[in-house]
Amino acid sequence: MLLIGLTGSIATGKSTVSSLLAAPPFGLPIIDADVLARRVVEPGTAGYAAIVTHFGASTPDLLVPVVAAADPAKAMPEAGRDGRGRPLNRAALGRRVFGDDAAHRQDRAVLNGIVHPAVRRALYRALLRCYLRGCRAVVLDVPLLFESRLDRLCGAVVVVAVRDPATQMARLRARDPHLSADDAAARVASQADVRDKARRCEARGPGRGAVVWNDAGREELAAELRRAVEPLLQQSPAWWSWALLLCPPLGVVVGAWTFWRNTRLNRTWEEAERRERANL
């Protein structure tokens, strides 16, 4: 089973690419880390409790406010109708963690420390289900693929990028019109530059990494996606997926070799980056 890591940056079109990969002619199963991240912090989960405990006292609007209703039976009481608590106010939490100053970075690190381990566990369970179904390939849609080092699991990586930062900013504000220019800039700055991610992806080499440039419309994006992904899928014919399923030790060996190879690729990239920064 080929694991395709899909990543990008905010407002570069990663979600659109994910939907295209899920539809014909690809029809690939998608494991979306953002969806998992929402699930692991729903009321009643350990992640929800940890976030409320850490951020609640200093963030008065952390929880969605009680909504009044004409019918008292339908009104949501302070603790929620099911007694588990009100949902998180994601906009308020975003204001706490998105930004490039020390306080925002510290809050973001705390939030990531709560969410990321829970997401990893859910992701591994979803991967196991795909493996047991004999899937030819599966897409890991992870915004922080490189930062979380989940790229080490992937046989191939696809980065969705734009060449012009102004395009990214314009798309973000069109998608989320409630964001001010400063808020939008803070969200973009909180993530690694997508053009750096594109360079890192290309450094993996042919068949291991592909960049999908999304500077035009949807039709151009679909054509660009086919150009990038079809060579990657040729690595994983259907018979190979069934061989891995029917011979689990072979799957373990292939997985270990992929992890070792990608770890070496990452070390080479990081060393090259250190040398480049030292020469500036």
C-alpha atoms as a PDB file:
ATOM      1  CA  MET A   1       0.000   0.000   0.000  1.00  0.00           C
ATOM      2  CA  LEU A   2       1.455   3.306  -1.091  1.00  0.00           C
ATOM      3  CA  LEU A   3       1.179   6.093   1.467  1.00  0.00           C
ATOM      4  CA  ILE A   4       0.962   9.482  -0.254  1.00  0.00           C
ATOM      5  CA  GLY A   5       1.583  12.374   2.104  1.00  0.00           C
ATOM      6  CA  LEU A   6      -0.395  15.440   1.019  1.00  0.00           C
ATOM      7  CA  THR A   7       0.546  18.806   2.456  1.00  0.00           C
ATOM      8  CA  GLY A   8       0.707  22.493   1.650  1.00  0.00           C
ATOM      9  CA  SER A   9      -0.058  25.650   3.551  1.00  0.00           C
ATOM     10  CA  ILE A  10      -3.133  27.604   4.455  1.00  0.00           C
ATOM     11  CA  ALA A  11      -5.154  28.745   1.401  1.00  0.00           C
ATOM     12  CA  THR A  12      -2.967  27.018  -1.197  1.00  0.00           C
ATOM     13  CA  GLY A  13      -5.682  24.596  -2.328  1.00  0.00           C
ATOM     14  CA  LYS A  14      -4.780  21.433  -0.410  1.00  0.00           C
ATOM     15  CA  SER A  15      -8.425  20.684   0.429  1.00  0.00           C
ATOM     16  CA  THR A  16      -9.384  21.004  -3.236  1.00  0.00           C
ATOM     17  CA  VAL A  17      -6.622  18.596  -4.228  1.00  0.00           C
ATOM     18  CA  SER A  18      -7.753  16.189  -1.518  1.00  0.00           C
ATOM     19  CA  SER A  19     -11.302  16.198  -2.920  1.00  0.00           C
ATOM     20  CA  LEU A  20      -9.963  15.597  -6.443  1.00  0.00           C
ATOM     21  CA  LEU A  21      -7.908  12.629  -5.253  1.00  0.00           C
ATOM     22  CA  ALA A  22     -10.974  11.149  -3.547  1.00  0.00           C
ATOM     23  CA  ALA A  23     -13.027  11.384  -6.778  1.00  0.00           C
ATOM     24  CA  PRO A  24     -12.624   9.482 -10.072  1.00  0.00           C
ATOM     25  CA  PRO A  25     -10.317   8.762 -11.802  1.00  0.00           C
ATOM     26  CA  PHE A  26      -8.226   8.379  -8.629  1.00  0.00           C
ATOM     27  CA  GLY A  27     -10.810   7.332  -6.036  1.00  0.00           C
ATOM     28  CA  LEU A  28      -8.267   7.162  -3.239  1.00  0.00           C
ATOM     29  CA  PRO A  29      -9.181   6.916   0.446  1.00  0.00           C
ATOM     30  CA  ILE A  30      -8.303  10.106   2.329  1.00  0.00           C
ATOM     31  CA  ILE A  31      -7.159  10.263   5.941  1.00  0.00           C
ATOM     32  CA  ASP A  32      -7.608  13.935   6.805  1.00  0.00           C
ATOM     33  CA  ALA A  33      -5.623  15.071   9.843  1.00  0.00           C
ATOM     34  CA  ASP A  34      -7.796  18.190  10.196  1.00  0.00           C
ATOM     35  CA  VAL A  35     -10.921  16.029  10.501  1.00  0.00           C
ATOM     36  CA  LEU A  36      -9.179  13.823  13.050  1.00  0.00           C
ATOM     37  CA  ALA A  37      -7.972  16.914  14.932  1.00  0.00           C
ATOM     38  CA  ARG A  38     -11.562  18.118  15.297  1.00  0.00           C
ATOM     39  CA  ARG A  39     -12.726  14.718  16.502  1.00  0.00           C
ATOM     40  CA  VAL A  40     -10.077  14.341  19.188  1.00  0.00           C
ATOM     41  CA  VAL A  41     -11.081  17.654  20.835  1.00  0.00           C
ATOM     42  CA  GLU A  42     -14.845  17.149  20.786  1.00  0.00           C
ATOM     43  CA  PRO A  43     -16.593  17.563  24.150  1.00  0.00           C
ATOM     44  CA  GLY A  44     -16.069  14.496  26.277  1.00  0.00           C
ATOM     45  CA  THR A  45     -12.612  13.651  24.930  1.00  0.00           C
ATOM     46  CA  ALA A  46      -9.341  13.828  26.832  1.00  0.00           C
ATOM     47  CA  GLY A  47      -8.089  16.440  24.349  1.00  0.00           C
ATOM     48  CA  TYR A  48     -11.071  18.703  25.045  1.00  0.00           C
ATOM     49  CA  ALA A  49     -10.511  18.451  28.800  1.00  0.00           C
ATOM     50  CA  ALA A  50      -6.808  19.272  28.465  1.00  0.00           C
ATOM     51  CA  ILE A  51      -7.479  22.333  26.279  1.00  0.00           C
ATOM     52  CA  VAL A  52     -10.157  23.689  28.607  1.00  0.00           C
ATOM     53  CA  THR A  53      -7.923  23.125  31.626  1.00  0.00           C
ATOM     54  CA  HIS A  54      -4.957  24.981  30.100  1.00  0.00           C
ATOM     55  CA  PHE A  55      -6.635  27.780  28.128  1.00  0.00           C
ATOM     56  CA  GLY A  56     -10.013  28.187  29.807  1.00  0.00           C
ATOM     57  CA  ALA A  57      -9.056  30.494  32.665  1.00  0.00           C
ATOM     58  CA  SER A  58      -7.248  32.988  30.390  1.00  0.00           C
ATOM     59  CA  THR A  59      -9.613  32.753  27.405  1.00  0.00           C
ATOM     60  CA  PRO A  60     -13.140  33.724  28.490  1.00  0.00           C
ATOM     61  CA  ASP A  61     -14.629  33.024  25.041  1.00  0.00           C
ATOM     62  CA  LEU A  62     -12.908  29.639  24.631  1.00  0.00           C
ATOM     63  CA  LEU A  63     -16.237  27.790  24.506  1.00  0.00           C
ATOM     64  CA  VAL A  64     -19.107  28.389  22.110  1.00  0.00           C
ATOM     65  CA  PRO A  65     -21.624  30.591  23.944  1.00  0.00           C
ATOM     66  CA  VAL A  66     -24.965  29.271  25.088  1.00  0.00           C
ATOM     67  CA  VAL A  67     -27.551  29.757  22.329  1.00  0.00           C
ATOM     68  CA  ALA A  68     -30.971  30.884  23.436  1.00  0.00           C
ATOM     69  CA  ALA A  69     -33.942  29.192  21.797  1.00  0.00           C
ATOM     70  CA  ALA A  70     -37.639  29.995  21.610  1.00  0.00           C
ATOM     71  CA  ASP A  71     -38.350  26.475  22.864  1.00  0.00           C
ATOM     72  CA  PRO A  72     -36.610  26.061  26.268  1.00  0.00           C
ATOM     73  CA  ALA A  73     -36.392  22.313  25.662  1.00  0.00           C
ATOM     74  CA  LYS A  74     -34.112  22.959  22.675  1.00  0.00           C
ATOM     75  CA  ALA A  75     -31.855  25.493  24.385  1.00  0.00           C
ATOM     76  CA  MET A  76     -28.337  24.329  25.161  1.00  0.00           C
ATOM     77  CA  PRO A  77     -27.631  24.705  28.887  1.00  0.00           C
ATOM     78  CA  GLU A  78     -24.279  25.754  30.242  1.00  0.00           C
ATOM     79  CA  ALA A  79     -22.889  22.205  30.266  1.00  0.00           C
ATOM     80  CA  GLY A  80     -24.526  21.095  27.014  1.00  0.00           C
ATOM     81  CA  ARG A  81     -27.609  18.904  26.667  1.00  0.00           C
ATOM     82  CA  ASP A  82     -25.529  15.740  26.940  1.00  0.00           C
ATOM     83  CA  GLY A  83     -23.609  17.012  29.970  1.00  0.00           C
ATOM     84  CA  ARG A  84     -20.235  16.861  28.217  1.00  0.00           C
ATOM     85  CA  GLY A  85     -19.638  20.599  27.852  1.00  0.00           C
ATOM     86  CA  ARG A  86     -19.955  23.228  25.142  1.00  0.00           C
ATOM     87  CA  PRO A  87     -17.844  22.897  21.963  1.00  0.00           C
ATOM     88  CA  LEU A  88     -14.614  24.824  21.583  1.00  0.00           C
ATOM     89  CA  ASN A  89     -14.785  28.265  19.996  1.00  0.00           C
ATOM     90  CA  ARG A  90     -12.214  27.594  17.297  1.00  0.00           C
ATOM     91  CA  ALA A  91     -11.918  31.274  16.330  1.00  0.00           C
ATOM     92  CA  ALA A  92     -11.030  32.258  19.887  1.00  0.00           C
ATOM     93  CA  LEU A  93      -8.556  29.408  20.196  1.00  0.00           C
ATOM     94  CA  GLY A  94      -7.034  30.441  16.870  1.00  0.00           C
ATOM     95  CA  ARG A  95      -6.413  33.959  18.163  1.00  0.00           C
ATOM     96  CA  ARG A  96      -4.527  32.454  21.096  1.00  0.00           C
ATOM     97  CA  VAL A  97      -2.180  30.314  19.019  1.00  0.00           C
ATOM     98  CA  PHE A  98      -1.740  31.964  15.608  1.00  0.00           C
ATOM     99  CA  GLY A  99       1.065  34.498  15.547  1.00  0.00           C
ATOM    100  CA  ASP A 100       4.833  34.686  15.373  1.00  0.00           C
ATOM    101  CA  ASP A 101       5.704  36.213  18.758  1.00  0.00           C
ATOM    102  CA  ALA A 102       6.959  34.186  21.710  1.00  0.00           C
ATOM    103  CA  ALA A 103       3.615  34.045  23.543  1.00  0.00           C
ATOM    104  CA  HIS A 104       1.739  32.745  20.510  1.00  0.00           C
ATOM    105  CA  ARG A 105       4.472  30.215  19.766  1.00  0.00           C
ATOM    106  CA  GLN A 106       4.328  28.936  23.336  1.00  0.00           C
ATOM    107  CA  ASP A 107       0.542  28.596  23.265  1.00  0.00           C
ATOM    108  CA  ARG A 108       0.733  26.868  19.882  1.00  0.00           C
ATOM    109  CA  ALA A 109       3.289  24.407  21.237  1.00  0.00           C
ATOM    110  CA  VAL A 110       0.977  23.564  24.155  1.00  0.00           C
ATOM    111  CA  LEU A 111      -1.986  23.033  21.823  1.00  0.00           C
ATOM    112  CA  ASN A 112       0.086  20.891  19.448  1.00  0.00           C
ATOM    113  CA  GLY A 113       1.312  18.832  22.379  1.00  0.00           C
ATOM    114  CA  ILE A 114      -2.305  18.037  23.246  1.00  0.00           C
ATOM    115  CA  VAL A 115      -3.678  17.468  19.761  1.00  0.00           C
ATOM    116  CA  HIS A 116      -0.848  15.844  17.798  1.00  0.00           C
ATOM    117  CA  PRO A 117      -0.428  12.633  19.877  1.00  0.00           C
ATOM    118  CA  ALA A 118      -4.191  12.007  19.781  1.00  0.00           C
ATOM    119  CA  VAL A 119      -4.280  12.625  16.023  1.00  0.00           C
ATOM    120  CA  ARG A 120      -1.385  10.219  15.472  1.00  0.00           C
ATOM    121  CA  ARG A 121      -3.203   7.439  17.305  1.00  0.00           C
ATOM    122  CA  ALA A 122      -6.363   8.016  15.263  1.00  0.00           C
ATOM    123  CA  LEU A 123      -4.311   8.187  12.062  1.00  0.00           C
ATOM    124  CA  TYR A 124      -2.583   4.868  12.726  1.00  0.00           C
ATOM    125  CA  ARG A 125      -5.935   3.201  13.344  1.00  0.00           C
ATOM    126  CA  ALA A 126      -7.266   4.570  10.036  1.00  0.00           C
ATOM    127  CA  LEU A 127      -4.131   3.358   8.202  1.00  0.00           C
ATOM    128  CA  LEU A 128      -4.577  -0.128   9.631  1.00  0.00           C
ATOM    129  CA  ARG A 129      -8.157  -0.244   8.360  1.00  0.00           C
ATOM    130  CA  CYS A 130      -6.992   0.756   4.853  1.00  0.00           C
ATOM    131  CA  TYR A 131      -4.256  -1.887   4.926  1.00  0.00           C
ATOM    132  CA  LEU A 132      -6.709  -4.605   5.948  1.00  0.00           C
ATOM    133  CA  ARG A 133      -9.005  -3.610   3.080  1.00  0.00           C
ATOM    134  CA  GLY A 134      -6.136  -4.099   0.618  1.00  0.00           C
ATOM    135  CA  CYS A 135      -6.111  -0.485  -0.587  1.00  0.00           C
ATOM    136  CA  ARG A 136      -3.658   0.196  -3.405  1.00  0.00           C
ATOM    137  CA  ALA A 137      -2.828   3.657  -2.051  1.00  0.00           C
ATOM    138  CA  VAL A 138      -4.058   6.011   0.655  1.00  0.00           C
ATOM    139  CA  VAL A 139      -3.633   9.763   1.020  1.00  0.00           C
ATOM    140  CA  LEU A 140      -2.465  11.209   4.325  1.00  0.00           C
ATOM    141  CA  ASP A 141      -3.769  14.788   4.250  1.00  0.00           C
ATOM    142  CA  VAL A 142      -1.587  16.448   6.896  1.00  0.00           C
ATOM    143  CA  PRO A 143      -0.943  20.235   6.936  1.00  0.00           C
ATOM    144  CA  LEU A 144       2.159  19.796   9.129  1.00  0.00           C
ATOM    145  CA  LEU A 145       3.462  16.681   7.388  1.00  0.00           C
ATOM    146  CA  PHE A 146       7.136  17.685   7.476  1.00  0.00           C
ATOM    147  CA  GLU A 147       6.964  19.436  10.834  1.00  0.00           C
ATOM    148  CA  SER A 148       5.417  16.368  12.495  1.00  0.00           C
ATOM    149  CA  ARG A 149       7.866  14.072  10.606  1.00  0.00           C
ATOM    150  CA  LEU A 150       5.008  11.936   9.324  1.00  0.00           C
ATOM    151  CA  ASP A 151       6.634  12.201   5.901  1.00  0.00           C
ATOM    152  CA  ARG A 152       8.952   9.417   7.087  1.00  0.00           C
ATOM    153  CA  LEU A 153       6.048   6.992   6.735  1.00  0.00           C
ATOM    154  CA  CYS A 154       5.229   8.018   3.171  1.00  0.00           C
ATOM    155  CA  GLY A 155       6.341   6.365  -0.019  1.00  0.00           C
ATOM    156  CA  ALA A 156       5.642   9.643  -1.805  1.00  0.00           C
ATOM    157  CA  VAL A 157       4.840  13.243  -0.869  1.00  0.00           C
ATOM    158  CA  VAL A 158       2.720  15.779  -2.744  1.00  0.00           C
ATOM    159  CA  VAL A 159       2.927  19.482  -1.874  1.00  0.00           C
ATOM    160  CA  VAL A 160       0.223  21.899  -3.054  1.00  0.00           C
ATOM    161  CA  ALA A 161       1.824  25.316  -3.477  1.00  0.00           C
ATOM    162  CA  VAL A 162       1.460  28.750  -5.012  1.00  0.00           C
ATOM    163  CA  ARG A 163       4.340  30.778  -6.366  1.00  0.00           C
ATOM    164  CA  ASP A 164       3.033  34.221  -5.338  1.00  0.00           C
ATOM    165  CA  PRO A 165       2.442  34.906  -1.599  1.00  0.00           C
ATOM    166  CA  ALA A 166      -0.116  37.564  -2.555  1.00  0.00           C
ATOM    167  CA  THR A 167      -2.257  34.847  -4.164  1.00  0.00           C
ATOM    168  CA  GLN A 168      -2.213  32.870  -0.935  1.00  0.00           C
ATOM    169  CA  MET A 169      -3.225  35.920   1.126  1.00  0.00           C
ATOM    170  CA  ALA A 170      -6.016  36.878  -1.260  1.00  0.00           C
ATOM    171  CA  ARG A 171      -7.461  33.356  -1.217  1.00  0.00           C
ATOM    172  CA  LEU A 172      -7.352  33.206   2.561  1.00  0.00           C
ATOM    173  CA  ARG A 173      -9.246  36.468   2.982  1.00  0.00           C
ATOM    174  CA  ALA A 174     -11.767  35.462   0.314  1.00  0.00           C
ATOM    175  CA  ARG A 175     -12.341  32.155   2.112  1.00  0.00           C
ATOM    176  CA  ASP A 176     -12.478  33.689   5.609  1.00  0.00           C
ATOM    177  CA  PRO A 177     -13.777  37.252   5.157  1.00  0.00           C
ATOM    178  CA  HIS A 178     -14.031  37.733   8.925  1.00  0.00           C
ATOM    179  CA  LEU A 179     -10.222  37.789   9.149  1.00  0.00           C
ATOM    180  CA  SER A 180      -8.503  41.150   9.201  1.00  0.00           C
ATOM    181  CA  ALA A 181      -5.367  41.648   7.146  1.00  0.00           C
ATOM    182  CA  ASP A 182      -3.291  41.277  10.329  1.00  0.00           C
ATOM    183  CA  ASP A 183      -5.106  38.092  11.364  1.00  0.00           C
ATOM    184  CA  ALA A 184      -4.619  36.593   7.895  1.00  0.00           C
ATOM    185  CA  ALA A 185      -0.935  37.503   7.884  1.00  0.00           C
ATOM    186  CA  ALA A 186      -0.516  35.944  11.348  1.00  0.00           C
ATOM    187  CA  ARG A 187      -2.063  32.673  10.192  1.00  0.00           C
ATOM    188  CA  VAL A 188       0.187  32.501   7.150  1.00  0.00           C
ATOM    189  CA  ALA A 189       3.252  33.382   9.246  1.00  0.00           C
ATOM    190  CA  SER A 190       2.441  30.644  11.776  1.00  0.00           C
ATOM    191  CA  GLN A 191       3.209  27.996   9.136  1.00  0.00           C
ATOM    192  CA  ALA A 192       6.375  27.245   7.218  1.00  0.00           C
ATOM    193  CA  ASP A 193       6.659  28.959   3.840  1.00  0.00           C
ATOM    194  CA  VAL A 194       4.957  26.717   1.294  1.00  0.00           C
ATOM    195  CA  ARG A 195       7.691  27.411  -1.253  1.00  0.00           C
ATOM    196  CA  ASP A 196      10.206  25.899   1.178  1.00  0.00           C
ATOM    197  CA  LYS A 197       7.960  22.857   1.472  1.00  0.00           C
ATOM    198  CA  ALA A 198       7.916  22.616  -2.331  1.00  0.00           C
ATOM    199  CA  ARG A 199      11.722  22.663  -2.474  1.00  0.00           C
ATOM    200  CA  ARG A 200      11.912  19.993   0.205  1.00  0.00           C
ATOM    201  CA  CYS A 201       9.431  17.826  -1.672  1.00  0.00           C
ATOM    202  CA  GLU A 202      11.331  18.135  -4.958  1.00  0.00           C
ATOM    203  CA  ALA A 203      14.545  17.195  -3.129  1.00  0.00           C
ATOM    204  CA  ARG A 204      13.066  13.745  -2.456  1.00  0.00           C
ATOM    205  CA  GLY A 205      13.576  12.963  -6.145  1.00  0.00           C
ATOM    206  CA  PRO A 206      11.392  11.637  -8.986  1.00  0.00           C
ATOM    207  CA  GLY A 207       8.778   9.130  -7.894  1.00  0.00           C
ATOM    208  CA  ARG A 208       9.128  10.174  -4.255  1.00  0.00           C
ATOM    209  CA  GLY A 209       7.924  13.769  -4.332  1.00  0.00           C
ATOM    210  CA  ALA A 210       5.816  15.970  -6.570  1.00  0.00           C
ATOM    211  CA  VAL A 211       4.736  19.616  -6.370  1.00  0.00           C
ATOM    212  CA  VAL A 212       1.279  20.626  -7.582  1.00  0.00           C
ATOM    213  CA  TRP A 213       1.332  24.328  -8.459  1.00  0.00           C
ATOM    214  CA  ASN A 214      -2.069  25.924  -7.915  1.00  0.00           C
ATOM    215  CA  ASP A 215      -1.750  29.427  -9.356  1.00  0.00           C
ATOM    216  CA  ALA A 216      -4.616  29.215 -11.857  1.00  0.00           C
ATOM    217  CA  GLY A 217      -8.146  27.750 -11.922  1.00  0.00           C
ATOM    218  CA  ARG A 218      -9.640  24.379 -11.000  1.00  0.00           C
ATOM    219  CA  GLU A 219      -9.279  22.865 -14.485  1.00  0.00           C
ATOM    220  CA  GLU A 220      -5.594  23.742 -14.603  1.00  0.00           C
ATOM    221  CA  LEU A 221      -5.211  22.350 -11.088  1.00  0.00           C
ATOM    222  CA  ALA A 222      -6.813  19.031 -12.099  1.00  0.00           C
ATOM    223  CA  ALA A 223      -4.438  18.708 -15.052  1.00  0.00           C
ATOM    224  CA  GLU A 224      -1.458  19.582 -12.873  1.00  0.00           C
ATOM    225  CA  LEU A 225      -2.558  16.994 -10.331  1.00  0.00           C
ATOM    226  CA  ARG A 226      -2.780  14.216 -12.925  1.00  0.00           C
ATOM    227  CA  ARG A 227       0.689  15.095 -14.177  1.00  0.00           C
ATOM    228  CA  ALA A 228       2.091  14.900 -10.657  1.00  0.00           C
ATOM    229  CA  VAL A 229       0.252  11.912  -9.177  1.00  0.00           C
ATOM    230  CA  GLU A 230      -0.063   9.363 -11.983  1.00  0.00           C
ATOM    231  CA  PRO A 231       3.707   8.564 -11.988  1.00  0.00           C
ATOM    232  CA  LEU A 232       3.534   8.063  -8.219  1.00  0.00           C
ATOM    233  CA  LEU A 233       0.664   5.568  -8.482  1.00  0.00           C
ATOM    234  CA  GLN A 234       2.610   3.501 -11.012  1.00  0.00           C
ATOM    235  CA  GLN A 235       4.821   2.436  -8.099  1.00  0.00           C
ATOM    236  CA  SER A 236       1.931   0.606  -6.457  1.00  0.00           C
ATOM    237  CA  PRO A 237       0.066  -1.841  -8.730  1.00  0.00           C
ATOM    238  CA  ALA A 238      -2.922  -3.652  -7.228  1.00  0.00           C
ATOM    239  CA  TRP A 239      -1.075  -6.995  -7.025  1.00  0.00           C
ATOM    240  CA  TRP A 240       1.604  -5.407  -4.818  1.00  0.00           C
ATOM    241  CA  SER A 241      -0.978  -4.236  -2.274  1.00  0.00           C
ATOM    242  CA  TRP A 242      -2.439  -7.735  -2.038  1.00  0.00           C
ATOM    243  CA  ALA A 243       1.042  -9.222  -1.681  1.00  0.00           C
ATOM    244  CA  LEU A 244       1.708  -6.933   1.287  1.00  0.00           C
ATOM    245  CA  LEU A 245      -1.649  -7.867   2.823  1.00  0.00           C
ATOM    246  CA  LEU A 246      -1.206 -11.619   2.384  1.00  0.00           C
ATOM    247  CA  CYS A 247       2.396 -11.547   3.618  1.00  0.00           C
ATOM    248  CA  PRO A 248       2.522  -9.242   6.668  1.00  0.00           C
ATOM    249  CA  PRO A 249       6.286  -9.755   7.244  1.00  0.00           C
ATOM    250  CA  LEU A 250       6.893  -8.343   3.759  1.00  0.00           C
ATOM    251  CA  GLY A 251       4.785  -5.321   4.681  1.00  0.00           C
ATOM    252  CA  VAL A 252       6.848  -4.804   7.837  1.00  0.00           C
ATOM    253  CA  VAL A 253      10.108  -4.967   5.858  1.00  0.00           C
ATOM    254  CA  VAL A 254       8.865  -2.529   3.208  1.00  0.00           C
ATOM    255  CA  GLY A 255       7.585  -0.144   5.873  1.00  0.00           C
ATOM    256  CA  ALA A 256      10.879  -0.249   7.777  1.00  0.00           C
ATOM    257  CA  TRP A 257      12.877   0.342   4.599  1.00  0.00           C
ATOM    258  CA  THR A 258      10.662   3.309   3.654  1.00  0.00           C
ATOM    259  CA  PHE A 259      11.082   4.811   7.124  1.00  0.00           C
ATOM    260  CA  TRP A 260      14.880   4.368   7.022  1.00  0.00           C
ATOM    261  CA  ARG A 261      15.142   5.843   3.511  1.00  0.00           C
ATOM    262  CA  ASN A 262      13.038   8.878   4.405  1.00  0.00           C
ATOM    263  CA  THR A 263      14.969   9.439   7.618  1.00  0.00           C
ATOM    264  CA  ARG A 264      18.173   9.618   5.545  1.00  0.00           C
ATOM    265  CA  LEU A 265      16.497  12.003   3.088  1.00  0.00           C
ATOM    266  CA  ASN A 266      15.443  14.264   5.953  1.00  0.00           C
ATOM    267  CA  ARG A 267      18.934  14.305   7.439  1.00  0.00           C
ATOM    268  CA  THR A 268      20.413  15.206   4.059  1.00  0.00           C
ATOM    269  CA  TRP A 269      17.889  18.013   3.618  1.00  0.00           C
ATOM    270  CA  GLU A 270      18.398  19.413   7.122  1.00  0.00           C
ATOM    271  CA  GLU A 271      22.184  19.364   6.728  1.00  0.00           C
ATOM    272  CA  ALA A 272      21.929  21.177   3.395  1.00  0.00           C
ATOM    273  CA  GLU A 273      19.651  23.780   5.004  1.00  0.00           C
ATOM    274  CA  ARG A 274      22.117  24.328   7.854  1.00  0.00           C
ATOM    275  CA  ARG A 275      24.974  24.837   5.400  1.00  0.00           C
ATOM    276  CA  GLU A 276      22.900  27.277   3.368  1.00  0.00           C
ATOM    277  CA  ARG A 277      21.969  29.338   6.434  1.00  0.00           C
ATOM    278  CA  ALA A 278      25.598  29.341   7.584  1.00  0.00           C
ATOM    279  CA  ASN A 279      26.666  30.824   4.233  1.00  0.00           C
ATOM    280  CA  LEU A 280      24.185  33.701   4.392  1.00  0.00           C
END
